[in-house]
Protein backbone atom coordinates (compact mmCIF):
# COMPACT_ATOMS: atom_id res chain seq x y z
CA MET A 1 -30.71 -30.55 -20.18
CA GLU A 2 -27.28 -31.76 -22.20
CA SER A 3 -25.00 -34.23 -20.75
CA LEU A 4 -21.70 -33.84 -20.10
CA THR A 5 -20.78 -35.63 -23.14
CA GLN A 6 -22.44 -33.21 -25.14
CA LEU A 7 -20.95 -30.25 -24.18
CA GLY A 8 -17.52 -31.70 -24.05
CA MET A 9 -18.24 -32.45 -27.79
CA GLN A 10 -19.71 -29.13 -28.59
CA ALA A 11 -16.74 -27.73 -26.45
CA LYS A 12 -14.20 -29.28 -28.57
CA LYS A 13 -15.53 -28.20 -31.89
CA ALA A 14 -15.92 -24.66 -30.26
CA SER A 15 -11.95 -24.75 -29.38
CA ARG A 16 -10.79 -24.97 -32.94
CA LYS A 17 -12.65 -21.90 -34.35
CA LEU A 18 -11.72 -19.82 -30.91
CA ALA A 19 -7.59 -21.16 -31.43
CA GLN A 20 -7.74 -19.85 -35.04
CA ALA A 21 -9.60 -16.39 -34.02
CA SER A 22 -7.63 -13.59 -34.02
CA ALA A 23 -6.68 -10.83 -31.20
CA GLN A 24 -9.08 -8.17 -33.04
CA GLU A 25 -12.27 -10.77 -33.53
CA LYS A 26 -11.98 -12.02 -29.40
CA ASN A 27 -11.79 -8.21 -28.23
CA GLN A 28 -14.84 -6.80 -30.11
CA ALA A 29 -16.87 -9.72 -28.81
CA LEU A 30 -15.43 -9.12 -25.50
CA LEU A 31 -16.56 -5.82 -25.36
CA ILE A 32 -19.99 -6.87 -26.50
CA MET A 33 -20.19 -9.25 -23.96
CA SER A 34 -19.13 -6.24 -21.70
CA ARG A 35 -21.99 -3.94 -22.21
CA LEU A 36 -24.52 -6.31 -22.29
CA ILE A 37 -23.36 -7.65 -19.20
CA THR A 38 -24.32 -3.59 -17.81
CA GLU A 39 -27.29 -3.66 -19.88
CA HIS A 40 -29.01 -7.01 -18.32
CA GLN A 41 -27.58 -6.16 -14.59
CA LYS A 42 -31.44 -5.90 -13.77
CA ASP A 43 -31.93 -9.61 -14.83
CA ILE A 44 -29.10 -10.71 -13.29
CA ILE A 45 -29.55 -8.67 -10.20
CA ALA A 46 -33.29 -10.49 -10.39
CA ALA A 47 -31.83 -13.72 -10.43
CA ASN A 48 -29.52 -13.18 -7.67
CA GLN A 49 -32.63 -12.56 -5.48
CA LYS A 50 -33.60 -16.18 -6.38
CA ASP A 51 -30.29 -17.63 -5.08
CA LEU A 52 -29.97 -15.32 -2.51
CA ALA A 53 -33.71 -16.10 -1.40
CA ALA A 54 -33.03 -19.76 -1.48
CA ALA A 55 -29.62 -19.48 0.46
CA GLU A 56 -31.39 -17.50 3.33
CA SER A 57 -34.34 -20.05 3.60
CA ASN A 58 -31.14 -22.97 4.01
CA GLY A 59 -29.52 -21.13 6.92
CA ILE A 60 -26.97 -19.28 4.78
CA LYS A 61 -25.63 -15.81 6.24
CA GLY A 62 -22.86 -13.70 6.74
CA ASN A 63 -19.79 -13.55 4.71
CA MET A 64 -20.96 -16.66 2.75
CA LEU A 65 -24.01 -14.77 1.71
CA ASP A 66 -22.09 -11.92 0.85
CA ARG A 67 -19.94 -14.47 -1.57
CA LEU A 68 -22.83 -14.78 -3.16
CA ALA A 69 -24.39 -11.62 -3.36
CA LEU A 70 -24.62 -8.83 -6.37
CA ASN A 71 -25.19 -5.57 -6.83
CA GLU A 72 -24.89 -2.96 -8.93
CA GLU A 73 -21.36 -1.88 -7.69
CA ARG A 74 -20.23 -5.79 -8.45
CA ILE A 75 -21.91 -5.95 -11.93
CA SER A 76 -19.98 -2.85 -13.09
CA ALA A 77 -16.67 -4.11 -11.62
CA MET A 78 -17.56 -7.29 -13.77
CA ALA A 79 -18.38 -4.95 -17.00
CA GLU A 80 -15.01 -3.45 -16.29
CA GLY A 81 -12.90 -6.54 -15.78
CA ILE A 82 -14.38 -7.70 -18.91
CA LYS A 83 -13.19 -4.48 -20.49
CA GLN A 84 -9.54 -5.21 -19.18
CA VAL A 85 -9.51 -8.27 -20.78
CA ALA A 86 -9.99 -7.20 -24.19
CA GLU A 87 -7.19 -4.23 -23.83
CA LEU A 88 -4.47 -6.84 -22.38
CA PRO A 89 -2.20 -8.18 -24.99
CA ASP A 90 -3.39 -11.72 -26.60
CA PRO A 91 -1.06 -14.19 -25.41
CA VAL A 92 -1.92 -16.80 -28.04
CA GLY A 93 0.65 -17.20 -31.16
CA THR A 94 3.42 -15.13 -29.66
CA ILE A 95 6.87 -16.98 -30.85
CA GLU A 96 9.96 -17.21 -28.31
CA SER A 97 13.14 -18.68 -27.75
CA MET A 98 13.97 -18.93 -31.87
CA ARG A 99 17.16 -20.17 -32.12
CA LYS A 100 19.37 -22.29 -34.96
CA LEU A 101 21.38 -25.49 -34.05
CA ASP A 102 24.26 -26.50 -35.80
CA ASN A 103 22.11 -28.79 -38.47
CA GLY A 104 20.29 -25.52 -39.76
CA LEU A 105 17.32 -25.96 -37.99
CA THR A 106 15.50 -23.20 -36.67
CA ILE A 107 13.96 -24.10 -33.61
CA GLY A 108 11.41 -21.87 -31.17
CA ARG A 109 8.25 -21.80 -29.26
CA GLN A 110 4.29 -20.62 -30.09
CA SER A 111 2.15 -20.16 -27.45
CA VAL A 112 -0.65 -22.12 -27.63
CA PRO A 113 -4.25 -22.58 -26.22
CA LEU A 114 -4.84 -25.20 -23.77
CA GLY A 115 -7.99 -26.58 -25.70
CA VAL A 116 -11.11 -27.40 -23.63
CA ILE A 117 -10.80 -25.95 -19.55
CA GLY A 118 -13.24 -27.35 -16.93
CA ILE A 119 -13.82 -25.09 -14.03
CA ILE A 120 -15.52 -26.21 -11.11
CA TYR A 121 -16.61 -23.33 -8.59
CA GLU A 122 -18.67 -22.86 -5.89
CA SER A 123 -20.95 -19.65 -4.66
CA ARG A 124 -19.10 -16.25 -6.27
CA PRO A 125 -21.13 -15.85 -9.24
CA ASN A 126 -18.60 -13.19 -10.81
CA VAL A 127 -16.13 -16.41 -11.19
CA THR A 128 -18.54 -16.74 -14.59
CA THR A 129 -17.47 -13.88 -16.09
CA ASP A 130 -14.18 -13.69 -14.93
CA ALA A 131 -13.31 -17.48 -15.90
CA GLY A 132 -15.55 -17.18 -19.05
CA VAL A 133 -13.76 -14.24 -20.70
CA LEU A 134 -10.54 -15.78 -20.12
CA CYS A 135 -10.68 -18.51 -21.32
CA PHE A 136 -12.14 -16.84 -24.34
CA LYS A 137 -9.57 -14.37 -24.81
CA SER A 138 -7.10 -17.23 -24.39
CA GLY A 139 -8.61 -18.90 -27.35
CA ASN A 140 -9.39 -21.87 -25.09
CA ALA A 141 -13.62 -23.10 -24.84
CA VAL A 142 -14.98 -23.69 -21.61
CA ILE A 143 -17.43 -25.34 -19.27
CA LEU A 144 -18.64 -23.85 -15.92
CA ARG A 145 -19.76 -25.88 -13.00
CA GLY A 146 -20.96 -23.36 -10.41
CA GLY A 147 -22.29 -24.68 -7.23
CA LYS A 148 -26.25 -25.05 -6.77
CA GLU A 149 -26.65 -21.67 -4.69
CA ALA A 150 -25.48 -19.71 -7.73
CA ILE A 151 -28.06 -21.42 -10.53
CA HIS A 152 -30.02 -18.79 -11.27
CA THR A 153 -27.59 -16.18 -11.36
CA ASN A 154 -24.95 -18.26 -13.57
CA LYS A 155 -27.51 -18.92 -16.02
CA ALA A 156 -28.62 -15.49 -16.34
CA ILE A 157 -24.70 -14.72 -16.70
CA ILE A 158 -24.36 -17.35 -19.31
CA THR A 159 -27.39 -16.52 -21.23
CA VAL A 160 -25.88 -12.96 -21.36
CA LEU A 161 -22.61 -13.89 -22.71
CA GLN A 162 -23.98 -16.33 -25.26
CA LYS A 163 -26.16 -13.97 -26.72
CA ALA A 164 -23.12 -11.13 -26.92
CA LEU A 165 -21.21 -14.64 -29.01
CA SER A 166 -24.24 -15.06 -30.84
CA GLN A 167 -23.94 -11.57 -32.67
CA THR A 168 -20.25 -12.78 -33.81
CA ASP A 169 -18.93 -15.42 -35.82
CA PHE A 170 -18.33 -17.66 -32.53
CA PRO A 171 -19.99 -20.30 -31.37
CA GLN A 172 -22.01 -19.77 -28.66
CA ASP A 173 -20.61 -22.86 -27.15
CA SER A 174 -17.38 -21.47 -26.48
CA ILE A 175 -18.64 -20.61 -23.09
CA GLN A 176 -20.77 -23.45 -21.23
CA LEU A 177 -22.85 -23.62 -17.78
CA VAL A 178 -23.18 -27.73 -16.71
CA GLU A 179 -27.01 -26.79 -15.34
CA ASP A 180 -26.82 -29.82 -13.44
CA THR A 181 -25.70 -28.87 -9.91
CA SER A 182 -25.50 -32.41 -8.50
CA ARG A 183 -22.25 -34.25 -6.94
CA ALA A 184 -22.79 -36.62 -10.38
CA SER A 185 -22.00 -33.48 -12.61
CA SER A 186 -19.12 -32.64 -10.51
CA THR A 187 -17.61 -36.39 -10.85
CA GLY A 188 -18.53 -36.41 -14.30
CA LEU A 189 -16.58 -33.36 -15.28
CA MET A 190 -13.64 -34.48 -13.29
CA THR A 191 -13.46 -37.61 -15.47
CA LEU A 192 -14.48 -36.29 -18.81
CA THR A 193 -11.22 -36.87 -19.97
CA GLU A 194 -11.76 -37.00 -23.66
CA TYR A 195 -13.03 -33.48 -23.99
CA LEU A 196 -11.27 -31.58 -21.26
CA ASP A 197 -7.50 -30.84 -21.54
CA VAL A 198 -7.83 -29.64 -17.84
CA LEU A 199 -9.85 -28.89 -14.88
CA ILE A 200 -9.58 -25.99 -12.42
CA PRO A 201 -11.09 -26.31 -9.27
CA ARG A 202 -11.84 -22.74 -7.18
CA GLY A 203 -13.58 -23.04 -3.79
CA GLY A 204 -12.84 -24.55 -0.50
CA ALA A 205 -10.78 -26.91 0.94
CA GLY A 206 -13.09 -29.18 0.37
CA LEU A 207 -13.93 -28.61 -3.34
CA ILE A 208 -10.12 -28.33 -4.30
CA LYS A 209 -9.23 -31.88 -2.24
CA ALA A 210 -12.16 -33.93 -3.91
CA VAL A 211 -11.02 -32.60 -7.31
CA VAL A 212 -7.25 -33.32 -6.66
CA GLU A 213 -7.87 -36.84 -5.36
CA ASN A 214 -10.78 -38.03 -7.86
CA ALA A 215 -10.19 -36.29 -11.15
CA THR A 216 -8.12 -37.81 -13.70
CA VAL A 217 -8.32 -34.76 -16.18
CA PRO A 218 -5.03 -32.75 -15.29
CA VAL A 219 -5.57 -30.44 -12.54
CA ILE A 220 -4.50 -26.87 -12.26
CA GLU A 221 -5.12 -26.33 -8.24
CA THR A 222 -6.20 -23.17 -6.77
CA GLY A 223 -5.52 -22.82 -3.42
CA VAL A 224 -6.81 -22.20 0.14
CA GLY A 225 -5.88 -18.97 1.42
CA ASN A 226 -4.50 -19.51 5.17
CA CYS A 227 -2.83 -16.32 5.21
CA HIS A 228 -0.49 -14.59 7.50
CA ILE A 229 0.47 -10.90 8.44
CA TYR A 230 3.62 -10.92 10.10
CA ILE A 231 4.39 -6.96 12.65
CA ASP A 232 8.34 -6.91 12.87
CA LYS A 233 10.20 -5.25 15.84
CA ASP A 234 10.67 -2.29 13.42
CA ALA A 235 7.26 -1.75 12.06
CA GLN A 236 5.44 1.51 11.88
CA LEU A 237 2.76 0.31 14.15
CA GLU A 238 -0.07 2.68 12.58
CA MET A 239 0.80 1.68 9.17
CA ALA A 240 0.23 -2.09 10.37
CA LYS A 241 -3.11 -1.46 11.95
CA ASP A 242 -4.37 -0.26 8.93
CA ILE A 243 -2.88 -2.97 6.93
CA ILE A 244 -4.75 -5.56 9.52
CA VAL A 245 -7.90 -4.04 9.42
CA ASN A 246 -8.02 -3.94 5.89
CA ALA A 247 -6.54 -7.65 5.26
CA LYS A 248 -9.17 -8.94 7.91
CA CYS A 249 -12.09 -6.93 7.45
CA SER A 250 -12.64 -5.38 3.76
CA ARG A 251 -13.89 -8.60 2.89
CA PRO A 252 -13.20 -11.40 4.89
CA SER A 253 -14.86 -14.20 2.81
CA VAL A 254 -12.36 -13.93 0.20
CA CYS A 255 -9.27 -16.31 -0.10
CA ASN A 256 -6.80 -13.28 0.20
CA ALA A 257 -7.91 -12.16 3.46
CA ALA A 258 -5.65 -12.47 6.42
CA GLU A 259 -6.43 -15.33 8.96
CA THR A 260 -3.40 -15.14 11.08
CA LEU A 261 -1.59 -12.07 13.30
CA LEU A 262 1.86 -13.06 13.87
CA ILE A 263 3.62 -10.05 16.20
CA HIS A 264 6.90 -9.78 17.54
CA GLU A 265 7.17 -9.82 21.36
CA ASP A 266 8.84 -6.29 21.48
CA VAL A 267 5.98 -4.99 20.53
CA ALA A 268 3.01 -6.66 21.58
CA ALA A 269 2.41 -5.05 24.83
CA ALA A 270 2.34 -1.60 22.96
CA PHE A 271 0.77 -2.62 20.09
CA LEU A 272 -2.08 -5.50 20.56
CA PRO A 273 -4.67 -2.95 22.66
CA GLU A 274 -4.46 -0.69 19.64
CA ILE A 275 -5.38 -3.28 17.07
CA GLU A 276 -7.88 -5.13 19.34
CA THR A 277 -9.72 -1.82 19.71
CA ALA A 278 -9.63 -1.62 15.80
CA LEU A 279 -10.94 -4.85 15.05
CA SER A 280 -13.95 -4.54 17.51
CA GLU A 281 -15.57 -2.36 15.58
CA TYR A 282 -15.75 -5.15 13.09
CA HIS A 283 -16.67 -7.63 15.90
CA VAL A 284 -13.58 -9.56 14.62
CA GLU A 285 -13.15 -12.88 17.47
CA LEU A 286 -9.78 -12.87 18.11
CA ARG A 287 -8.38 -16.19 19.17
CA ALA A 288 -5.16 -15.91 21.15
CA ASP A 289 -1.83 -18.00 21.97
CA GLU A 290 -1.08 -17.49 26.03
CA LYS A 291 1.25 -14.64 25.50
CA ALA A 292 -1.56 -12.82 22.96
CA GLY A 293 -4.42 -13.56 25.45
CA ALA A 294 -2.38 -12.06 28.55
CA ILE A 295 -2.06 -8.73 26.45
CA LEU A 296 -5.71 -8.44 25.14
CA ALA A 297 -8.59 -7.61 27.14
CA LYS A 298 -10.90 -9.94 25.05
CA SER A 299 -10.22 -13.44 23.58
CA ILE A 300 -10.57 -17.26 23.18
CA PRO A 301 -7.76 -19.64 23.92
CA ALA A 302 -6.24 -20.57 20.21
CA THR A 303 -6.17 -24.38 19.65
CA GLU A 304 -3.98 -25.88 16.84
CA GLU A 305 -6.46 -25.85 14.48
CA ASP A 306 -6.86 -22.24 14.45
CA TRP A 307 -3.49 -21.94 13.53
CA GLU A 308 -4.62 -24.10 10.27
CA THR A 309 -8.03 -22.61 9.60
CA GLU A 310 -9.24 -20.71 6.68
CA PHE A 311 -12.17 -18.70 8.83
CA LEU A 312 -13.76 -16.85 5.84
CA ASP A 313 -15.32 -14.49 8.56
CA TYR A 314 -14.30 -12.14 11.07
CA ILE A 315 -12.14 -14.29 13.08
CA LEU A 316 -8.29 -13.60 13.39
CA ALA A 317 -5.58 -16.03 14.98
CA VAL A 318 -3.12 -14.06 17.22
CA LYS A 319 0.18 -15.53 18.05
CA VAL A 320 3.09 -12.99 20.02
CA ILE A 321 6.54 -14.85 18.35
CA PRO A 322 9.76 -14.07 19.67
CA SER A 323 12.06 -13.08 16.17
CA LEU A 324 11.45 -13.11 12.75
CA GLU A 325 13.08 -16.61 12.09
CA GLU A 326 10.09 -18.12 14.17
CA ALA A 327 7.73 -15.97 12.13
CA VAL A 328 8.93 -18.03 8.93
CA GLU A 329 8.90 -21.28 10.61
CA HIS A 330 5.25 -20.75 11.35
CA ILE A 331 4.17 -19.46 8.47
CA ASP A 332 6.15 -22.42 6.77
CA ARG A 333 4.21 -24.73 9.12
CA TYR A 334 0.60 -24.03 8.68
CA SER A 335 0.20 -21.56 5.26
CA THR A 336 -1.86 -22.73 2.27
CA GLY A 337 1.09 -21.44 0.20
CA HIS A 338 -1.33 -18.01 -0.77
CA SER A 339 -0.22 -14.85 0.50
CA GLU A 340 1.94 -13.68 3.27
CA ALA A 341 2.65 -10.23 4.69
CA ILE A 342 5.58 -8.90 6.67
CA VAL A 343 5.01 -4.97 7.95
CA THR A 344 8.74 -3.80 9.02
CA ASP A 345 11.01 -0.61 8.05
CA ASN A 346 14.16 -3.03 8.12
CA TYR A 347 15.12 -3.61 4.97
CA ALA A 348 17.20 -6.39 5.75
CA ALA A 349 14.45 -8.13 7.81
CA GLY A 350 11.62 -7.48 4.25
CA GLN A 351 14.63 -9.15 2.50
CA GLN A 352 14.93 -12.12 4.70
CA PHE A 353 10.67 -12.43 4.79
CA LEU A 354 11.04 -12.28 0.99
CA ARG A 355 13.71 -14.78 0.70
CA GLU A 356 12.24 -17.42 2.93
CA VAL A 357 8.52 -17.38 2.53
CA ASP A 358 7.85 -20.01 -0.28
CA SER A 359 3.82 -18.34 -0.87
CA ALA A 360 2.44 -17.41 -4.45
CA ALA A 361 2.38 -13.80 -3.39
CA VAL A 362 4.64 -12.47 -0.62
CA TYR A 363 4.34 -8.25 0.31
CA ILE A 364 6.41 -6.22 2.31
CA ASN A 365 4.26 -3.39 4.15
CA ALA A 366 1.10 -3.81 2.05
CA SER A 367 -2.22 -5.71 2.46
CA THR A 368 -2.77 -9.40 1.20
CA ARG A 369 -5.87 -8.38 -0.31
CA PHE A 370 -4.28 -7.14 -3.13
CA THR A 371 -3.27 -10.83 -3.99
CA ASP A 372 -6.28 -10.59 -7.40
CA GLY A 373 -6.00 -10.87 -11.09
CA PHE A 374 -8.09 -7.25 -11.37
CA GLU A 375 -5.42 -5.86 -8.37
CA PHE A 376 -2.43 -7.28 -10.58
CA GLY A 377 -3.44 -5.80 -13.84
CA PHE A 378 -4.61 -8.76 -15.49
CA GLY A 379 -8.25 -7.61 -15.80
CA ALA A 380 -9.72 -11.07 -14.24
CA GLU A 381 -8.61 -14.05 -12.81
CA ILE A 382 -9.45 -17.71 -13.03
CA GLY A 383 -7.89 -18.18 -9.56
CA ILE A 384 -5.11 -18.32 -7.81
CA SER A 385 -2.52 -21.14 -7.86
CA THR A 386 -0.36 -22.17 -5.00
CA GLN A 387 1.37 -25.14 -7.40
CA LYS A 388 4.80 -24.44 -8.67
CA ILE A 389 4.60 -25.84 -11.77
CA HIS A 390 3.07 -23.96 -14.99
CA ALA A 391 1.08 -21.32 -13.04
CA ARG A 392 1.65 -19.80 -9.80
CA GLY A 393 -0.32 -16.80 -8.39
CA PRO A 394 -3.14 -15.11 -9.56
CA MET A 395 -3.77 -16.74 -13.19
CA GLY A 396 -4.03 -14.25 -16.29
CA LEU A 397 -4.63 -15.09 -19.86
CA PRO A 398 -0.65 -16.46 -20.17
CA GLU A 399 -1.37 -19.47 -17.62
CA LEU A 400 -4.07 -20.21 -19.73
CA THR A 401 -1.71 -21.45 -22.60
CA SER A 402 0.95 -24.17 -23.42
CA TYR A 403 3.16 -24.16 -26.06
CA LYS A 404 4.27 -26.01 -29.47
CA THR A 405 7.45 -26.56 -30.68
CA ILE A 406 8.06 -24.79 -34.45
CA VAL A 407 10.51 -25.93 -36.41
CA TYR A 408 11.79 -24.42 -39.90
CA GLY A 409 14.23 -26.54 -41.89
CA ASN A 410 15.48 -27.08 -45.68
CA GLY A 411 15.44 -30.39 -46.20
CA GLN A 412 17.04 -31.89 -43.39
CA ILE A 413 17.31 -35.68 -42.57
CA ARG A 414 18.51 -37.42 -39.78
């Protein structure tokens, strides 16, 4: 097993090659990756079955098992995502803001790769392809460190991606996997300052907190998704019902799923029984404040912790709100800054919500489940950044570049 230092040295060397590659060269390699992912889907699924069996024997079940699982449909989506990345504009080398100074110097900015990116993530193996190909297209070498739950799947995917690279002039070390899934490897990656230019954690609150608190490498923080949907007094209730069911139930184990439903008191009595019936088909557990609990047929009293929690399960916190202003206050207090939505036909209310809610993605009359690089047209994503510097929201290709200042002169001296 290669040490982190070896991986770092190899990645650093590969990054120099990647930084000089043309868009055409990178796109050709990506199309080979897409094709081989499809051709080797049986190998990937077989490896995934080993991980699923181990997870079940360790007591993992339900939605957490779903996060780990791959099938032909999900692998096809992975392959399609790689194709979409190949079709996107190359962010590297773009020159902007060129201007001429009084002294005759012409100064501008040119986008450049970050260099070597480390990514620590948990059980979702699709991150392996998403992160690998986005870093590659943006000219960065990447060192991936997935969770132990998906180690067989991740190794199978990396084998395919590196096989694709072997059919090109790119070094296979452009995309590498840390096969040691111990805590020591995670900690080691956080302090690999000699080789890593940036570290990106993608996973639950515990992982992100550990990386932010312990890393000496610069970190781009991807956020936990405690997402809210507010049903305004002027909402179309049938639309609201569809949005809530989708946001909570289409895939509750992901970060853009809704965790809290806020509903205006003027429509609560009419609407809550309907949404309760719709959610009952998915066996959603409702944790309600006193006013909502008095209307719902079956609920559990909500605690302070429920308002703060990203459940990642068929659980929804429900609160009756007297006004839009108090809905915004609740979101401001408990939101993790990921995605929030208002359902309303009132233009002024919608615009106020957009102005006052400070999250990476804010919606009017749509499900929070769209906060995703693929859905936003990025082809894939590294994660959803909830920071306010450099990158915010789904992180695609542009967010994986920096810039350097370029200066043209004709003999100027200071």
